[in-house]
Amino acid sequence: MTTDPADKSSMDEGKEMAIRQVANALHRLNDAVISAVGKGVTVELMRASRYHNEEGAWGDMLVPIIHKQD
């Protein structure tokens, strides 16, 4: 994720907290993927849908695709 430093000063506390929550969840997700791959599971993350708030903001909803090993 990239952010423009000029935008950070205008971001309210609620938005900053929301970004930290997403970042923390992604960190946990990445750890889980690393763990699964370490156990021999192939994991692909794919966008399942896109959520819109009807005010111009949106976010991707992800689902894991597990590839079976032969």
PDB file of N, CA and C in Angstrom:
ATOM      1  N   MET A   1       0.849  -1.171   0.000  1.00  0.00           N
ATOM      2  CA  MET A   1       0.000   0.000   0.000  1.00  0.00           C
ATOM      3  C   MET A   1       0.896   1.236   0.000  1.00  0.00           C
ATOM      4  N   THR A   2       0.579   2.180  -0.837  1.00  0.00           N
ATOM      5  CA  THR A   2       1.320   3.429  -0.849  1.00  0.00           C
ATOM      6  C   THR A   2       0.382   4.558  -0.470  1.00  0.00           C
ATOM      7  N   THR A   3       0.931   5.493   0.272  1.00  0.00           N
ATOM      8  CA  THR A   3       0.140   6.667   0.625  1.00  0.00           C
ATOM      9  C   THR A   3       0.959   7.902   0.320  1.00  0.00           C
ATOM     10  N   ASP A   4       0.289   8.939  -0.038  1.00  0.00           N
ATOM     11  CA  ASP A   4       0.926  10.221  -0.295  1.00  0.00           C
ATOM     12  C   ASP A   4       1.123  10.922   1.046  1.00  0.00           C
ATOM     13  N   PRO A   5       2.374  11.289   1.408  1.00  0.00           N
ATOM     14  CA  PRO A   5       2.600  11.947   2.702  1.00  0.00           C
ATOM     15  C   PRO A   5       1.739  13.194   2.902  1.00  0.00           C
ATOM     16  N   ALA A   6       1.404  13.884   1.829  1.00  0.00           N
ATOM     17  CA  ALA A   6       0.570  15.085   1.952  1.00  0.00           C
ATOM     18  C   ALA A   6      -0.839  14.711   2.402  1.00  0.00           C
ATOM     19  N   ASP A   7      -1.316  13.518   1.999  1.00  0.00           N
ATOM     20  CA  ASP A   7      -2.657  13.076   2.380  1.00  0.00           C
ATOM     21  C   ASP A   7      -2.730  12.689   3.850  1.00  0.00           C
ATOM     22  N   LYS A   8      -1.629  12.219   4.441  1.00  0.00           N
ATOM     23  CA  LYS A   8      -1.641  11.741   5.819  1.00  0.00           C
ATOM     24  C   LYS A   8      -2.053  12.837   6.800  1.00  0.00           C
ATOM     25  N   SER A   9      -1.592  14.062   6.572  1.00  0.00           N
ATOM     26  CA  SER A   9      -1.909  15.141   7.495  1.00  0.00           C
ATOM     27  C   SER A   9      -3.405  15.465   7.494  1.00  0.00           C
ATOM     28  N   SER A  10      -4.096  15.170   6.399  1.00  0.00           N
ATOM     29  CA  SER A  10      -5.514  15.491   6.328  1.00  0.00           C
ATOM     30  C   SER A  10      -6.401  14.296   6.701  1.00  0.00           C
ATOM     31  N   MET A  11      -5.790  13.154   7.028  1.00  0.00           N
ATOM     32  CA  MET A  11      -6.568  11.964   7.351  1.00  0.00           C
ATOM     33  C   MET A  11      -6.983  12.000   8.815  1.00  0.00           C
ATOM     34  N   ASP A  12      -8.269  11.737   9.062  1.00  0.00           N
ATOM     35  CA  ASP A  12      -8.739  11.767  10.440  1.00  0.00           C
ATOM     36  C   ASP A  12      -8.352  10.484  11.178  1.00  0.00           C
ATOM     37  N   GLU A  13      -8.494  10.513  12.483  1.00  0.00           N
ATOM     38  CA  GLU A  13      -8.073   9.407  13.341  1.00  0.00           C
ATOM     39  C   GLU A  13      -8.819   8.110  13.014  1.00  0.00           C
ATOM     40  N   GLY A  14     -10.095   8.208  12.693  1.00  0.00           N
ATOM     41  CA  GLY A  14     -10.880   7.026  12.350  1.00  0.00           C
ATOM     42  C   GLY A  14     -10.353   6.319  11.111  1.00  0.00           C
ATOM     43  N   LYS A  15      -9.977   7.107  10.103  1.00  0.00           N
ATOM     44  CA  LYS A  15      -9.419   6.528   8.877  1.00  0.00           C
ATOM     45  C   LYS A  15      -8.062   5.897   9.153  1.00  0.00           C
ATOM     46  N   GLU A  16      -7.232   6.563   9.936  1.00  0.00           N
ATOM     47  CA  GLU A  16      -5.922   6.011  10.281  1.00  0.00           C
ATOM     48  C   GLU A  16      -6.077   4.691  11.031  1.00  0.00           C
ATOM     49  N   MET A  17      -7.034   4.622  11.946  1.00  0.00           N
ATOM     50  CA  MET A  17      -7.277   3.387  12.692  1.00  0.00           C
ATOM     51  C   MET A  17      -7.739   2.273  11.750  1.00  0.00           C
ATOM     52  N   ALA A  18      -8.605   2.611  10.806  1.00  0.00           N
ATOM     53  CA  ALA A  18      -9.095   1.623   9.842  1.00  0.00           C
ATOM     54  C   ALA A  18      -7.943   1.072   9.004  1.00  0.00           C
ATOM     55  N   ILE A  19      -7.033   1.937   8.594  1.00  0.00           N
ATOM     56  CA  ILE A  19      -5.866   1.507   7.813  1.00  0.00           C
ATOM     57  C   ILE A  19      -4.974   0.602   8.646  1.00  0.00           C
ATOM     58  N   ARG A  20      -4.766   0.942   9.917  1.00  0.00           N
ATOM     59  CA  ARG A  20      -3.956   0.081  10.801  1.00  0.00           C
ATOM     60  C   ARG A  20      -4.612  -1.283  10.979  1.00  0.00           C
ATOM     61  N   GLN A  21      -5.949  -1.318  11.096  1.00  0.00           N
ATOM     62  CA  GLN A  21      -6.652  -2.599  11.227  1.00  0.00           C
ATOM     63  C   GLN A  21      -6.454  -3.464   9.988  1.00  0.00           C
ATOM     64  N   VAL A  22      -6.560  -2.859   8.806  1.00  0.00           N
ATOM     65  CA  VAL A  22      -6.343  -3.608   7.570  1.00  0.00           C
ATOM     66  C   VAL A  22      -4.895  -4.107   7.515  1.00  0.00           C
ATOM     67  N   ALA A  23      -3.947  -3.242   7.838  1.00  0.00           N
ATOM     68  CA  ALA A  23      -2.536  -3.643   7.804  1.00  0.00           C
ATOM     69  C   ALA A  23      -2.261  -4.784   8.776  1.00  0.00           C
ATOM     70  N   ASN A  24      -2.813  -4.712   9.985  1.00  0.00           N
ATOM     71  CA  ASN A  24      -2.612  -5.777  10.970  1.00  0.00           C
ATOM     72  C   ASN A  24      -3.242  -7.087  10.497  1.00  0.00           C
ATOM     73  N   ALA A  25      -4.439  -7.005   9.921  1.00  0.00           N
ATOM     74  CA  ALA A  25      -5.100  -8.212   9.416  1.00  0.00           C
ATOM     75  C   ALA A  25      -4.304  -8.821   8.261  1.00  0.00           C
ATOM     76  N   LEU A  26      -3.768  -7.978   7.393  1.00  0.00           N
ATOM     77  CA  LEU A  26      -2.952  -8.484   6.285  1.00  0.00           C
ATOM     78  C   LEU A  26      -1.683  -9.155   6.793  1.00  0.00           C
ATOM     79  N   HIS A  27      -1.099  -8.603   7.833  1.00  0.00           N
ATOM     80  CA  HIS A  27       0.095  -9.213   8.427  1.00  0.00           C
ATOM     81  C   HIS A  27      -0.246 -10.609   8.956  1.00  0.00           C
ATOM     82  N   ARG A  28      -1.370 -10.734   9.662  1.00  0.00           N
ATOM     83  CA  ARG A  28      -1.808 -12.051  10.162  1.00  0.00           C
ATOM     84  C   ARG A  28      -2.121 -12.996   9.011  1.00  0.00           C
ATOM     85  N   LEU A  29      -2.761 -12.487   7.953  1.00  0.00           N
ATOM     86  CA  LEU A  29      -3.053 -13.302   6.780  1.00  0.00           C
ATOM     87  C   LEU A  29      -1.759 -13.807   6.143  1.00  0.00           C
ATOM     88  N   ASN A  30      -0.790 -12.922   5.980  1.00  0.00           N
ATOM     89  CA  ASN A  30       0.491 -13.322   5.393  1.00  0.00           C
ATOM     90  C   ASN A  30       1.172 -14.388   6.241  1.00  0.00           C
ATOM     91  N   ASP A  31       1.124 -14.240   7.559  1.00  0.00           N
ATOM     92  CA  ASP A  31       1.693 -15.262   8.449  1.00  0.00           C
ATOM     93  C   ASP A  31       0.983 -16.603   8.258  1.00  0.00           C
ATOM     94  N   ALA A  32      -0.351 -16.577   8.122  1.00  0.00           N
ATOM     95  CA  ALA A  32      -1.117 -17.805   7.920  1.00  0.00           C
ATOM     96  C   ALA A  32      -0.764 -18.450   6.579  1.00  0.00           C
ATOM     97  N   VAL A  33      -0.598 -17.645   5.539  1.00  0.00           N
ATOM     98  CA  VAL A  33      -0.220 -18.172   4.230  1.00  0.00           C
ATOM     99  C   VAL A  33       1.161 -18.813   4.311  1.00  0.00           C
ATOM    100  N   ILE A  34       2.105 -18.149   4.965  1.00  0.00           N
ATOM    101  CA  ILE A  34       3.454 -18.701   5.125  1.00  0.00           C
ATOM    102  C   ILE A  34       3.401 -20.030   5.858  1.00  0.00           C
ATOM    103  N   SER A  35       2.597 -20.102   6.901  1.00  0.00           N
ATOM    104  CA  SER A  35       2.450 -21.338   7.658  1.00  0.00           C
ATOM    105  C   SER A  35       1.870 -22.460   6.796  1.00  0.00           C
ATOM    106  N   ALA A  36       0.819 -22.150   6.041  1.00  0.00           N
ATOM    107  CA  ALA A  36       0.190 -23.150   5.178  1.00  0.00           C
ATOM    108  C   ALA A  36       1.156 -23.631   4.100  1.00  0.00           C
ATOM    109  N   VAL A  37       1.858 -22.714   3.473  1.00  0.00           N
ATOM    110  CA  VAL A  37       2.827 -23.074   2.439  1.00  0.00           C
ATOM    111  C   VAL A  37       3.940 -23.932   3.046  1.00  0.00           C
ATOM    112  N   GLY A  38       4.357 -23.590   4.253  1.00  0.00           N
ATOM    113  CA  GLY A  38       5.372 -24.382   4.940  1.00  0.00           C
ATOM    114  C   GLY A  38       4.932 -25.817   5.187  1.00  0.00           C
ATOM    115  N   LYS A  39       3.627 -26.035   5.272  1.00  0.00           N
ATOM    116  CA  LYS A  39       3.077 -27.377   5.479  1.00  0.00           C
ATOM    117  C   LYS A  39       2.741 -28.070   4.161  1.00  0.00           C
ATOM    118  N   GLY A  40       3.056 -27.412   3.038  1.00  0.00           N
ATOM    119  CA  GLY A  40       2.856 -28.028   1.733  1.00  0.00           C
ATOM    120  C   GLY A  40       1.581 -27.653   1.017  1.00  0.00           C
ATOM    121  N   VAL A  41       0.866 -26.640   1.500  1.00  0.00           N
ATOM    122  CA  VAL A  41      -0.383 -26.198   0.864  1.00  0.00           C
ATOM    123  C   VAL A  41      -0.069 -25.029  -0.066  1.00  0.00           C
ATOM    124  N   THR A  42      -0.652 -25.060  -1.266  1.00  0.00           N
ATOM    125  CA  THR A  42      -0.499 -23.941  -2.186  1.00  0.00           C
ATOM    126  C   THR A  42      -1.737 -23.056  -2.056  1.00  0.00           C
ATOM    127  N   VAL A  43      -1.522 -21.780  -1.755  1.00  0.00           N
ATOM    128  CA  VAL A  43      -2.608 -20.835  -1.488  1.00  0.00           C
ATOM    129  C   VAL A  43      -2.533 -19.683  -2.488  1.00  0.00           C
ATOM    130  N   GLU A  44      -3.659 -19.425  -3.121  1.00  0.00           N
ATOM    131  CA  GLU A  44      -3.775 -18.276  -4.015  1.00  0.00           C
ATOM    132  C   GLU A  44      -4.894 -17.401  -3.474  1.00  0.00           C
ATOM    133  N   LEU A  45      -4.677 -16.108  -3.396  1.00  0.00           N
ATOM    134  CA  LEU A  45      -5.723 -15.179  -2.972  1.00  0.00           C
ATOM    135  C   LEU A  45      -6.310 -14.521  -4.222  1.00  0.00           C
ATOM    136  N   MET A  46      -7.628 -14.545  -4.314  1.00  0.00           N
ATOM    137  CA  MET A  46      -8.293 -14.012  -5.498  1.00  0.00           C
ATOM    138  C   MET A  46      -9.404 -13.048  -5.071  1.00  0.00           C
ATOM    139  N   ARG A  47      -9.552 -11.991  -5.830  1.00  0.00           N
ATOM    140  CA  ARG A  47     -10.642 -11.060  -5.547  1.00  0.00           C
ATOM    141  C   ARG A  47     -11.967 -11.732  -5.892  1.00  0.00           C
ATOM    142  N   ALA A  48     -12.866 -11.772  -4.913  1.00  0.00           N
ATOM    143  CA  ALA A  48     -14.182 -12.364  -5.116  1.00  0.00           C
ATOM    144  C   ALA A  48     -15.207 -11.304  -5.491  1.00  0.00           C
ATOM    145  N   SER A  49     -15.020 -10.108  -4.956  1.00  0.00           N
ATOM    146  CA  SER A  49     -15.940  -9.018  -5.235  1.00  0.00           C
ATOM    147  C   SER A  49     -15.283  -7.711  -4.821  1.00  0.00           C
ATOM    148  N   ARG A  50     -15.987  -6.644  -5.074  1.00  0.00           N
ATOM    149  CA  ARG A  50     -15.503  -5.329  -4.668  1.00  0.00           C
ATOM    150  C   ARG A  50     -16.621  -4.657  -3.883  1.00  0.00           C
ATOM    151  N   TYR A  51     -16.306  -4.206  -2.675  1.00  0.00           N
ATOM    152  CA  TYR A  51     -17.278  -3.535  -1.814  1.00  0.00           C
ATOM    153  C   TYR A  51     -17.201  -2.030  -2.045  1.00  0.00           C
ATOM    154  N   HIS A  52     -18.363  -1.401  -2.240  1.00  0.00           N
ATOM    155  CA  HIS A  52     -18.438   0.060  -2.429  1.00  0.00           C
ATOM    156  C   HIS A  52     -19.282   0.656  -1.305  1.00  0.00           C
ATOM    157  N   ASN A  53     -18.883   1.831  -0.832  1.00  0.00           N
ATOM    158  CA  ASN A  53     -19.656   2.490   0.226  1.00  0.00           C
ATOM    159  C   ASN A  53     -20.634   3.521  -0.321  1.00  0.00           C
ATOM    160  N   GLU A  54     -20.784   3.594  -1.622  1.00  0.00           N
ATOM    161  CA  GLU A  54     -21.689   4.528  -2.301  1.00  0.00           C
ATOM    162  C   GLU A  54     -21.275   5.995  -2.128  1.00  0.00           C
ATOM    163  N   GLU A  55     -20.051   6.215  -1.650  1.00  0.00           N
ATOM    164  CA  GLU A  55     -19.520   7.583  -1.543  1.00  0.00           C
ATOM    165  C   GLU A  55     -18.171   7.698  -2.245  1.00  0.00           C
ATOM    166  N   GLY A  56     -17.845   6.700  -3.068  1.00  0.00           N
ATOM    167  CA  GLY A  56     -16.607   6.751  -3.835  1.00  0.00           C
ATOM    168  C   GLY A  56     -15.493   5.849  -3.329  1.00  0.00           C
ATOM    169  N   ALA A  57     -15.598   5.340  -2.108  1.00  0.00           N
ATOM    170  CA  ALA A  57     -14.561   4.451  -1.585  1.00  0.00           C
ATOM    171  C   ALA A  57     -14.928   3.003  -1.906  1.00  0.00           C
ATOM    172  N   TRP A  58     -13.935   2.164  -2.082  1.00  0.00           N
ATOM    173  CA  TRP A  58     -14.184   0.759  -2.372  1.00  0.00           C
ATOM    174  C   TRP A  58     -13.031  -0.076  -1.830  1.00  0.00           C
ATOM    175  N   GLY A  59     -13.289  -1.369  -1.713  1.00  0.00           N
ATOM    176  CA  GLY A  59     -12.258  -2.299  -1.256  1.00  0.00           C
ATOM    177  C   GLY A  59     -12.506  -3.675  -1.837  1.00  0.00           C
ATOM    178  N   ASP A  60     -11.433  -4.400  -2.088  1.00  0.00           N
ATOM    179  CA  ASP A  60     -11.527  -5.742  -2.644  1.00  0.00           C
ATOM    180  C   ASP A  60     -11.789  -6.765  -1.549  1.00  0.00           C
ATOM    181  N   MET A  61     -12.729  -7.671  -1.819  1.00  0.00           N
ATOM    182  CA  MET A  61     -13.015  -8.796  -0.937  1.00  0.00           C
ATOM    183  C   MET A  61     -12.280 -10.005  -1.510  1.00  0.00           C
ATOM    184  N   LEU A  62     -11.520 -10.697  -0.674  1.00  0.00           N
ATOM    185  CA  LEU A  62     -10.682 -11.804  -1.130  1.00  0.00           C
ATOM    186  C   LEU A  62     -11.194 -13.149  -0.655  1.00  0.00           C
ATOM    187  N   VAL A  63     -10.908 -14.179  -1.440  1.00  0.00           N
ATOM    188  CA  VAL A  63     -11.158 -15.559  -1.038  1.00  0.00           C
ATOM    189  C   VAL A  63      -9.885 -16.355  -1.316  1.00  0.00           C
ATOM    190  N   PRO A  64      -9.596 -17.339  -0.468  1.00  0.00           N
ATOM    191  CA  PRO A  64      -8.426 -18.184  -0.748  1.00  0.00           C
ATOM    192  C   PRO A  64      -8.811 -19.294  -1.721  1.00  0.00           C
ATOM    193  N   ILE A  65      -7.944 -19.554  -2.657  1.00  0.00           N
ATOM    194  CA  ILE A  65      -8.070 -20.685  -3.570  1.00  0.00           C
ATOM    195  C   ILE A  65      -6.953 -21.654  -3.171  1.00  0.00           C
ATOM    196  N   ILE A  66      -7.344 -22.851  -2.761  1.00  0.00           N
ATOM    197  CA  ILE A  66      -6.365 -23.847  -2.338  1.00  0.00           C
ATOM    198  C   ILE A  66      -6.130 -24.813  -3.490  1.00  0.00           C
ATOM    199  N   HIS A  67      -4.892 -24.935  -3.904  1.00  0.00           N
ATOM    200  CA  HIS A  67      -4.530 -25.838  -4.998  1.00  0.00           C
ATOM    201  C   HIS A  67      -4.060 -27.154  -4.403  1.00  0.00           C
ATOM    202  N   LYS A  68      -4.718 -28.232  -4.800  1.00  0.00           N
ATOM    203  CA  LYS A  68      -4.349 -29.551  -4.296  1.00  0.00           C
ATOM    204  C   LYS A  68      -3.033 -30.019  -4.893  1.00  0.00           C
ATOM    205  N   GLN A  69      -2.249 -30.648  -4.066  1.00  0.00           N
ATOM    206  CA  GLN A  69      -0.991 -31.230  -4.528  1.00  0.00           C
ATOM    207  C   GLN A  69      -1.239 -32.673  -4.936  1.00  0.00           C
ATOM    208  N   ASP A  70      -0.626 -33.120  -6.003  1.00  0.00           N
ATOM    209  CA  ASP A  70      -0.750 -34.522  -6.416  1.00  0.00           C
ATOM    210  C   ASP A  70       0.368 -35.349  -5.823  1.00  0.00           C
TER     211      ASP A  70
END
